[in-house]
Every structure is written in C-alpha cells, then in structure tokens.
Amino acid sequence: MKTNLKALLEFPCPFTYKVMGLAKPELVDMVVEVVQRHAPGDYIPEVKPSSKGTYHSVSITINATHIEQVETLYEELGNIEIVRMVL
C-alpha cells in the first residue's frame, strides 16, 4: 500500500528528517549544508550514535513549505556519499 505523503500534510508544517550515515565528523555538516540550500534557517541537529559506534543518526526538523521541498530533500540527503538511509 503506497501512502500519498502530500495528502497527509498541510503546508507549511514542521517536518523531521532522520538521516543515518557513517560515524564521520563531517556527517552533520553535510546534512545541514544540504538542508540550508532548500530550507535556510538556524538548525541544531540531534545526533545519536549506534550501539557499536559505526553509524550516527542525525535528526533535523525544517519548516516545510511544499511537497516538492520535502521530496527534493529526501533525494539530496540520500545522495550524500556517507549516508546509508533517510527516514
């Protein structure tokens, strides 16, 4: 069953991305840089290490203004080389 994200959201709205990637110091800066291109603002991402310390999850919340912005950010965050998954 495919859910239509656009039907579930009313814009503008807060939207949180959870980005999982390799535990490298540049991960957070790379995520914020991509987000800044599409939703400029002051961000304080929340970072949590995995139990073995191999990966970090970076949670970042934007004020989404339209569905295209949400979809573009999913795609561009997923294209970061050290990112493994975007939720």
PDB file of N, CA and C in Angstrom:
ATOM      1  N   MET A   1       0.840  -1.177   0.000  1.00  0.00           N
ATOM      2  CA  MET A   1       0.000   0.000   0.000  1.00  0.00           C
ATOM      3  C   MET A   1       0.886   1.242   0.000  1.00  0.00           C
ATOM      4  N   LYS A   2       0.728   2.093  -0.979  1.00  0.00           N
ATOM      5  CA  LYS A   2       1.517   3.306  -1.088  1.00  0.00           C
ATOM      6  C   LYS A   2       0.724   4.474  -0.504  1.00  0.00           C
ATOM      7  N   THR A   3       1.358   5.214   0.420  1.00  0.00           N
ATOM      8  CA  THR A   3       0.712   6.351   1.053  1.00  0.00           C
ATOM      9  C   THR A   3       1.111   7.620   0.306  1.00  0.00           C
ATOM     10  N   ASN A   4       0.163   8.480   0.058  1.00  0.00           N
ATOM     11  CA  ASN A   4       0.435   9.746  -0.586  1.00  0.00           C
ATOM     12  C   ASN A   4       0.783  10.762   0.497  1.00  0.00           C
ATOM     13  N   LEU A   5       2.070  11.082   0.598  1.00  0.00           N
ATOM     14  CA  LEU A   5       2.550  11.984   1.637  1.00  0.00           C
ATOM     15  C   LEU A   5       1.870  13.345   1.546  1.00  0.00           C
ATOM     16  N   LYS A   6       1.638  13.807   0.342  1.00  0.00           N
ATOM     17  CA  LYS A   6       1.009  15.116   0.141  1.00  0.00           C
ATOM     18  C   LYS A   6      -0.376  15.168   0.785  1.00  0.00           C
ATOM     19  N   ALA A   7      -1.099  14.066   0.745  1.00  0.00           N
ATOM     20  CA  ALA A   7      -2.444  14.026   1.319  1.00  0.00           C
ATOM     21  C   ALA A   7      -2.414  14.059   2.852  1.00  0.00           C
ATOM     22  N   LEU A   8      -1.284  13.677   3.439  1.00  0.00           N
ATOM     23  CA  LEU A   8      -1.185  13.621   4.897  1.00  0.00           C
ATOM     24  C   LEU A   8      -0.700  14.925   5.528  1.00  0.00           C
ATOM     25  N   LEU A   9      -0.103  15.795   4.720  1.00  0.00           N
ATOM     26  CA  LEU A   9       0.500  17.009   5.260  1.00  0.00           C
ATOM     27  C   LEU A   9      -0.264  18.255   4.835  1.00  0.00           C
ATOM     28  N   GLU A  10      -0.289  19.243   5.738  1.00  0.00           N
ATOM     29  CA  GLU A  10      -0.833  20.560   5.442  1.00  0.00           C
ATOM     30  C   GLU A  10       0.319  21.544   5.561  1.00  0.00           C
ATOM     31  N   PHE A  11       0.616  22.236   4.475  1.00  0.00           N
ATOM     32  CA  PHE A  11       1.768  23.132   4.450  1.00  0.00           C
ATOM     33  C   PHE A  11       1.359  24.553   4.779  1.00  0.00           C
ATOM     34  N   PRO A  12       2.254  25.300   5.423  1.00  0.00           N
ATOM     35  CA  PRO A  12       3.557  24.918   5.950  1.00  0.00           C
ATOM     36  C   PRO A  12       3.401  24.078   7.215  1.00  0.00           C
ATOM     37  N   CYS A  13       4.414  23.249   7.482  1.00  0.00           N
ATOM     38  CA  CYS A  13       4.388  22.390   8.661  1.00  0.00           C
ATOM     39  C   CYS A  13       5.809  21.988   9.047  1.00  0.00           C
ATOM     40  N   PRO A  14       6.026  21.645  10.323  1.00  0.00           N
ATOM     41  CA  PRO A  14       7.334  21.118  10.710  1.00  0.00           C
ATOM     42  C   PRO A  14       7.490  19.716  10.129  1.00  0.00           C
ATOM     43  N   PHE A  15       8.685  19.405   9.637  1.00  0.00           N
ATOM     44  CA  PHE A  15       8.938  18.091   9.060  1.00  0.00           C
ATOM     45  C   PHE A  15      10.329  17.653   9.488  1.00  0.00           C
ATOM     46  N   THR A  16      10.418  16.475  10.103  1.00  0.00           N
ATOM     47  CA  THR A  16      11.689  15.976  10.616  1.00  0.00           C
ATOM     48  C   THR A  16      12.251  14.891   9.713  1.00  0.00           C
ATOM     49  N   TYR A  17      13.525  15.042   9.388  1.00  0.00           N
ATOM     50  CA  TYR A  17      14.274  14.025   8.650  1.00  0.00           C
ATOM     51  C   TYR A  17      15.193  13.329   9.632  1.00  0.00           C
ATOM     52  N   LYS A  18      15.299  12.022   9.502  1.00  0.00           N
ATOM     53  CA  LYS A  18      16.259  11.253  10.290  1.00  0.00           C
ATOM     54  C   LYS A  18      17.219  10.633   9.282  1.00  0.00           C
ATOM     55  N   VAL A  19      18.464  11.065   9.335  1.00  0.00           N
ATOM     56  CA  VAL A  19      19.473  10.650   8.372  1.00  0.00           C
ATOM     57  C   VAL A  19      20.470   9.742   9.079  1.00  0.00           C
ATOM     58  N   MET A  20      20.611   8.500   8.586  1.00  0.00           N
ATOM     59  CA  MET A  20      21.569   7.571   9.151  1.00  0.00           C
ATOM     60  C   MET A  20      22.763   7.467   8.218  1.00  0.00           C
ATOM     61  N   GLY A  21      23.962   7.628   8.803  1.00  0.00           N
ATOM     62  CA  GLY A  21      25.161   7.563   7.991  1.00  0.00           C
ATOM     63  C   GLY A  21      26.348   7.084   8.796  1.00  0.00           C
ATOM     64  N   LEU A  22      27.469   6.938   8.105  1.00  0.00           N
ATOM     65  CA  LEU A  22      28.695   6.518   8.768  1.00  0.00           C
ATOM     66  C   LEU A  22      29.078   7.540   9.831  1.00  0.00           C
ATOM     67  N   ALA A  23      29.655   7.061  10.921  1.00  0.00           N
ATOM     68  CA  ALA A  23      30.019   7.926  12.051  1.00  0.00           C
ATOM     69  C   ALA A  23      31.283   8.706  11.717  1.00  0.00           C
ATOM     70  N   LYS A  24      31.135   9.668  10.823  1.00  0.00           N
ATOM     71  CA  LYS A  24      32.262  10.525  10.431  1.00  0.00           C
ATOM     72  C   LYS A  24      31.960  11.935  10.905  1.00  0.00           C
ATOM     73  N   PRO A  25      32.993  12.685  11.299  1.00  0.00           N
ATOM     74  CA  PRO A  25      32.764  14.029  11.838  1.00  0.00           C
ATOM     75  C   PRO A  25      32.046  14.969  10.867  1.00  0.00           C
ATOM     76  N   GLU A  26      32.206  14.766   9.574  1.00  0.00           N
ATOM     77  CA  GLU A  26      31.601  15.662   8.586  1.00  0.00           C
ATOM     78  C   GLU A  26      30.128  15.377   8.296  1.00  0.00           C
ATOM     79  N   LEU A  27      29.569  14.285   8.824  1.00  0.00           N
ATOM     80  CA  LEU A  27      28.182  13.913   8.523  1.00  0.00           C
ATOM     81  C   LEU A  27      27.197  15.040   8.849  1.00  0.00           C
ATOM     82  N   VAL A  28      27.270  15.576  10.050  1.00  0.00           N
ATOM     83  CA  VAL A  28      26.316  16.610  10.471  1.00  0.00           C
ATOM     84  C   VAL A  28      26.437  17.834   9.571  1.00  0.00           C
ATOM     85  N   ASP A  29      27.651  18.270   9.291  1.00  0.00           N
ATOM     86  CA  ASP A  29      27.848  19.451   8.438  1.00  0.00           C
ATOM     87  C   ASP A  29      27.308  19.216   7.031  1.00  0.00           C
ATOM     88  N   MET A  30      27.476  18.021   6.513  1.00  0.00           N
ATOM     89  CA  MET A  30      26.978  17.701   5.169  1.00  0.00           C
ATOM     90  C   MET A  30      25.454  17.736   5.140  1.00  0.00           C
ATOM     91  N   VAL A  31      24.813  17.192   6.173  1.00  0.00           N
ATOM     92  CA  VAL A  31      23.352  17.184   6.261  1.00  0.00           C
ATOM     93  C   VAL A  31      22.830  18.616   6.361  1.00  0.00           C
ATOM     94  N   VAL A  32      23.419  19.424   7.236  1.00  0.00           N
ATOM     95  CA  VAL A  32      22.971  20.806   7.416  1.00  0.00           C
ATOM     96  C   VAL A  32      23.178  21.603   6.132  1.00  0.00           C
ATOM     97  N   GLU A  33      24.282  21.382   5.425  1.00  0.00           N
ATOM     98  CA  GLU A  33      24.557  22.110   4.187  1.00  0.00           C
ATOM     99  C   GLU A  33      23.471  21.840   3.137  1.00  0.00           C
ATOM    100  N   VAL A  34      23.060  20.583   2.998  1.00  0.00           N
ATOM    101  CA  VAL A  34      22.001  20.236   2.046  1.00  0.00           C
ATOM    102  C   VAL A  34      20.680  20.874   2.475  1.00  0.00           C
ATOM    103  N   VAL A  35      20.355  20.788   3.740  1.00  0.00           N
ATOM    104  CA  VAL A  35      19.103  21.360   4.240  1.00  0.00           C
ATOM    105  C   VAL A  35      19.087  22.876   4.041  1.00  0.00           C
ATOM    106  N   GLN A  36      20.207  23.542   4.296  1.00  0.00           N
ATOM    107  CA  GLN A  36      20.285  25.002   4.157  1.00  0.00           C
ATOM    108  C   GLN A  36      19.983  25.454   2.730  1.00  0.00           C
ATOM    109  N   ARG A  37      20.346  24.642   1.740  1.00  0.00           N
ATOM    110  CA  ARG A  37      20.097  25.006   0.344  1.00  0.00           C
ATOM    111  C   ARG A  37      18.608  25.096   0.032  1.00  0.00           C
ATOM    112  N   HIS A  38      17.810  24.285   0.709  1.00  0.00           N
ATOM    113  CA  HIS A  38      16.384  24.192   0.386  1.00  0.00           C
ATOM    114  C   HIS A  38      15.467  24.779   1.460  1.00  0.00           C
ATOM    115  N   ALA A  39      15.980  24.923   2.670  1.00  0.00           N
ATOM    116  CA  ALA A  39      15.182  25.472   3.772  1.00  0.00           C
ATOM    117  C   ALA A  39      16.115  26.231   4.713  1.00  0.00           C
ATOM    118  N   PRO A  40      16.564  27.425   4.293  1.00  0.00           N
ATOM    119  CA  PRO A  40      17.509  28.182   5.121  1.00  0.00           C
ATOM    120  C   PRO A  40      16.954  28.439   6.519  1.00  0.00           C
ATOM    121  N   GLY A  41      17.832  28.346   7.499  1.00  0.00           N
ATOM    122  CA  GLY A  41      17.421  28.591   8.879  1.00  0.00           C
ATOM    123  C   GLY A  41      18.533  28.223   9.837  1.00  0.00           C
ATOM    124  N   ASP A  42      18.272  28.409  11.115  1.00  0.00           N
ATOM    125  CA  ASP A  42      19.220  28.026  12.159  1.00  0.00           C
ATOM    126  C   ASP A  42      18.831  26.648  12.656  1.00  0.00           C
ATOM    127  N   TYR A  43      19.725  25.689  12.509  1.00  0.00           N
ATOM    128  CA  TYR A  43      19.413  24.308  12.869  1.00  0.00           C
ATOM    129  C   TYR A  43      20.360  23.799  13.939  1.00  0.00           C
ATOM    130  N   ILE A  44      19.797  23.052  14.866  1.00  0.00           N
ATOM    131  CA  ILE A  44      20.582  22.354  15.872  1.00  0.00           C
ATOM    132  C   ILE A  44      20.190  20.881  15.771  1.00  0.00           C
ATOM    133  N   PRO A  45      20.869  20.133  14.885  1.00  0.00           N
ATOM    134  CA  PRO A  45      20.501  18.731  14.695  1.00  0.00           C
ATOM    135  C   PRO A  45      20.815  17.901  15.939  1.00  0.00           C
ATOM    136  N   GLU A  46      20.012  16.893  16.132  1.00  0.00           N
ATOM    137  CA  GLU A  46      20.232  15.951  17.234  1.00  0.00           C
ATOM    138  C   GLU A  46      20.972  14.749  16.663  1.00  0.00           C
ATOM    139  N   VAL A  47      22.099  14.392  17.292  1.00  0.00           N
ATOM    140  CA  VAL A  47      22.931  13.299  16.798  1.00  0.00           C
ATOM    141  C   VAL A  47      22.976  12.189  17.841  1.00  0.00           C
ATOM    142  N   LYS A  48      22.724  10.957  17.378  1.00  0.00           N
ATOM    143  CA  LYS A  48      22.794   9.791  18.263  1.00  0.00           C
ATOM    144  C   LYS A  48      23.673   8.735  17.611  1.00  0.00           C
ATOM    145  N   PRO A  49      24.642   8.198  18.360  1.00  0.00           N
ATOM    146  CA  PRO A  49      25.482   7.130  17.810  1.00  0.00           C
ATOM    147  C   PRO A  49      24.774   5.780  17.906  1.00  0.00           C
ATOM    148  N   SER A  50      25.139   4.864  17.001  1.00  0.00           N
ATOM    149  CA  SER A  50      24.616   3.498  17.086  1.00  0.00           C
ATOM    150  C   SER A  50      25.292   2.793  18.265  1.00  0.00           C
ATOM    151  N   SER A  51      24.784   1.638  18.635  1.00  0.00           N
ATOM    152  CA  SER A  51      25.316   0.932  19.804  1.00  0.00           C
ATOM    153  C   SER A  51      26.790   0.557  19.641  1.00  0.00           C
ATOM    154  N   LYS A  52      27.211   0.253  18.416  1.00  0.00           N
ATOM    155  CA  LYS A  52      28.619  -0.088  18.177  1.00  0.00           C
ATOM    156  C   LYS A  52      29.449   1.119  17.761  1.00  0.00           C
ATOM    157  N   GLY A  53      28.791   2.259  17.548  1.00  0.00           N
ATOM    158  CA  GLY A  53      29.507   3.468  17.181  1.00  0.00           C
ATOM    159  C   GLY A  53      29.887   3.554  15.708  1.00  0.00           C
ATOM    160  N   THR A  54      29.393   2.641  14.894  1.00  0.00           N
ATOM    161  CA  THR A  54      29.716   2.624  13.465  1.00  0.00           C
ATOM    162  C   THR A  54      28.930   3.687  12.703  1.00  0.00           C
ATOM    163  N   TYR A  55      27.704   3.960  13.154  1.00  0.00           N
ATOM    164  CA  TYR A  55      26.812   4.883  12.469  1.00  0.00           C
ATOM    165  C   TYR A  55      26.331   5.972  13.426  1.00  0.00           C
ATOM    166  N   HIS A  56      25.891   7.084  12.842  1.00  0.00           N
ATOM    167  CA  HIS A  56      25.228   8.138  13.593  1.00  0.00           C
ATOM    168  C   HIS A  56      23.885   8.405  12.938  1.00  0.00           C
ATOM    169  N   SER A  57      22.885   8.739  13.751  1.00  0.00           N
ATOM    170  CA  SER A  57      21.625   9.222  13.184  1.00  0.00           C
ATOM    171  C   SER A  57      21.547  10.711  13.495  1.00  0.00           C
ATOM    172  N   VAL A  58      21.180  11.465  12.476  1.00  0.00           N
ATOM    173  CA  VAL A  58      21.070  12.912  12.599  1.00  0.00           C
ATOM    174  C   VAL A  58      19.607  13.270  12.357  1.00  0.00           C
ATOM    175  N   SER A  59      18.952  13.833  13.375  1.00  0.00           N
ATOM    176  CA  SER A  59      17.564  14.278  13.229  1.00  0.00           C
ATOM    177  C   SER A  59      17.567  15.789  13.071  1.00  0.00           C
ATOM    178  N   ILE A  60      16.862  16.259  12.041  1.00  0.00           N
ATOM    179  CA  ILE A  60      16.807  17.688  11.768  1.00  0.00           C
ATOM    180  C   ILE A  60      15.387  18.041  11.320  1.00  0.00           C
ATOM    181  N   THR A  61      14.828  19.085  11.914  1.00  0.00           N
ATOM    182  CA  THR A  61      13.450  19.489  11.619  1.00  0.00           C
ATOM    183  C   THR A  61      13.455  20.805  10.863  1.00  0.00           C
ATOM    184  N   ILE A  62      12.722  20.815   9.742  1.00  0.00           N
ATOM    185  CA  ILE A  62      12.589  22.031   8.942  1.00  0.00           C
ATOM    186  C   ILE A  62      11.142  22.511   9.004  1.00  0.00           C
ATOM    187  N   ASN A  63      10.920  23.722   8.541  1.00  0.00           N
ATOM    188  CA  ASN A  63       9.562  24.213   8.341  1.00  0.00           C
ATOM    189  C   ASN A  63       9.273  24.026   6.851  1.00  0.00           C
ATOM    190  N   ALA A  64       8.625  22.929   6.504  1.00  0.00           N
ATOM    191  CA  ALA A  64       8.367  22.590   5.102  1.00  0.00           C
ATOM    192  C   ALA A  64       7.272  23.482   4.543  1.00  0.00           C
ATOM    193  N   THR A  65       7.516  23.998   3.326  1.00  0.00           N
ATOM    194  CA  THR A  65       6.554  24.902   2.711  1.00  0.00           C
ATOM    195  C   THR A  65       5.766  24.262   1.574  1.00  0.00           C
ATOM    196  N   HIS A  66       6.304  23.170   0.992  1.00  0.00           N
ATOM    197  CA  HIS A  66       5.583  22.471  -0.079  1.00  0.00           C
ATOM    198  C   HIS A  66       6.160  21.065  -0.259  1.00  0.00           C
ATOM    199  N   ILE A  67       5.381  20.199  -0.894  1.00  0.00           N
ATOM    200  CA  ILE A  67       5.753  18.791  -1.029  1.00  0.00           C
ATOM    201  C   ILE A  67       7.021  18.610  -1.856  1.00  0.00           C
ATOM    202  N   GLU A  68       7.234  19.461  -2.856  1.00  0.00           N
ATOM    203  CA  GLU A  68       8.432  19.338  -3.687  1.00  0.00           C
ATOM    204  C   GLU A  68       9.695  19.550  -2.863  1.00  0.00           C
ATOM    205  N   GLN A  69       9.631  20.451  -1.892  1.00  0.00           N
ATOM    206  CA  GLN A  69      10.765  20.696  -0.999  1.00  0.00           C
ATOM    207  C   GLN A  69      11.068  19.441  -0.187  1.00  0.00           C
ATOM    208  N   VAL A  70      10.030  18.814   0.358  1.00  0.00           N
ATOM    209  CA  VAL A  70      10.187  17.599   1.154  1.00  0.00           C
ATOM    210  C   VAL A  70      10.827  16.489   0.306  1.00  0.00           C
ATOM    211  N   GLU A  71      10.312  16.288  -0.890  1.00  0.00           N
ATOM    212  CA  GLU A  71      10.810  15.220  -1.760  1.00  0.00           C
ATOM    213  C   GLU A  71      12.237  15.485  -2.237  1.00  0.00           C
ATOM    214  N   THR A  72      12.544  16.733  -2.569  1.00  0.00           N
ATOM    215  CA  THR A  72      13.892  17.090  -3.015  1.00  0.00           C
ATOM    216  C   THR A  72      14.909  16.841  -1.904  1.00  0.00           C
ATOM    217  N   LEU A  73      14.542  17.198  -0.682  1.00  0.00           N
ATOM    218  CA  LEU A  73      15.455  16.975   0.434  1.00  0.00           C
ATOM    219  C   LEU A  73      15.678  15.483   0.684  1.00  0.00           C
ATOM    220  N   TYR A  74      14.637  14.664   0.587  1.00  0.00           N
ATOM    221  CA  TYR A  74      14.826  13.215   0.720  1.00  0.00           C
ATOM    222  C   TYR A  74      15.866  12.737  -0.289  1.00  0.00           C
ATOM    223  N   GLU A  75      15.720  13.168  -1.531  1.00  0.00           N
ATOM    224  CA  GLU A  75      16.616  12.725  -2.592  1.00  0.00           C
ATOM    225  C   GLU A  75      18.042  13.217  -2.371  1.00  0.00           C
ATOM    226  N   GLU A  76      18.201  14.502  -2.082  1.00  0.00           N
ATOM    227  CA  GLU A  76      19.549  15.048  -1.936  1.00  0.00           C
ATOM    228  C   GLU A  76      20.248  14.552  -0.678  1.00  0.00           C
ATOM    229  N   LEU A  77      19.514  14.376   0.410  1.00  0.00           N
ATOM    230  CA  LEU A  77      20.130  13.809   1.613  1.00  0.00           C
ATOM    231  C   LEU A  77      20.580  12.374   1.351  1.00  0.00           C
ATOM    232  N   GLY A  78      19.782  11.628   0.607  1.00  0.00           N
ATOM    233  CA  GLY A  78      20.129  10.248   0.278  1.00  0.00           C
ATOM    234  C   GLY A  78      21.328  10.148  -0.660  1.00  0.00           C
ATOM    235  N   ASN A  79      21.628  11.226  -1.384  1.00  0.00           N
ATOM    236  CA  ASN A  79      22.756  11.221  -2.311  1.00  0.00           C
ATOM    237  C   ASN A  79      24.085  11.553  -1.647  1.00  0.00           C
ATOM    238  N   ILE A  80      24.069  11.920  -0.382  1.00  0.00           N
ATOM    239  CA  ILE A  80      25.337  12.163   0.350  1.00  0.00           C
ATOM    240  C   ILE A  80      26.054  10.819   0.451  1.00  0.00           C
ATOM    241  N   GLU A  81      27.316  10.790   0.051  1.00  0.00           N
ATOM    242  CA  GLU A  81      28.056   9.521  -0.064  1.00  0.00           C
ATOM    243  C   GLU A  81      28.091   8.691   1.220  1.00  0.00           C
ATOM    244  N   ILE A  82      28.211   9.329   2.375  1.00  0.00           N
ATOM    245  CA  ILE A  82      28.327   8.560   3.621  1.00  0.00           C
ATOM    246  C   ILE A  82      26.973   8.272   4.279  1.00  0.00           C
ATOM    247  N   VAL A  83      25.885   8.721   3.656  1.00  0.00           N
ATOM    248  CA  VAL A  83      24.541   8.447   4.182  1.00  0.00           C
ATOM    249  C   VAL A  83      24.082   7.076   3.714  1.00  0.00           C
ATOM    250  N   ARG A  84      23.486   6.332   4.628  1.00  0.00           N
ATOM    251  CA  ARG A  84      23.001   4.990   4.304  1.00  0.00           C
ATOM    252  C   ARG A  84      21.482   4.925   4.205  1.00  0.00           C
ATOM    253  N   MET A  85      20.761   5.835   4.910  1.00  0.00           N
ATOM    254  CA  MET A  85      19.296   5.789   4.896  1.00  0.00           C
ATOM    255  C   MET A  85      18.734   7.133   5.343  1.00  0.00           C
ATOM    256  N   VAL A  86      17.596   7.519   4.753  1.00  0.00           N
ATOM    257  CA  VAL A  86      16.899   8.741   5.166  1.00  0.00           C
ATOM    258  C   VAL A  86      15.453   8.371   5.461  1.00  0.00           C
ATOM    259  N   LEU A  87      15.012   8.697   6.655  1.00  0.00           N
ATOM    260  CA  LEU A  87      13.622   8.439   7.049  1.00  0.00           C
ATOM    261  C   LEU A  87      12.914   9.766   7.282  1.00  0.00           C
TER     262      LEU A  87
END
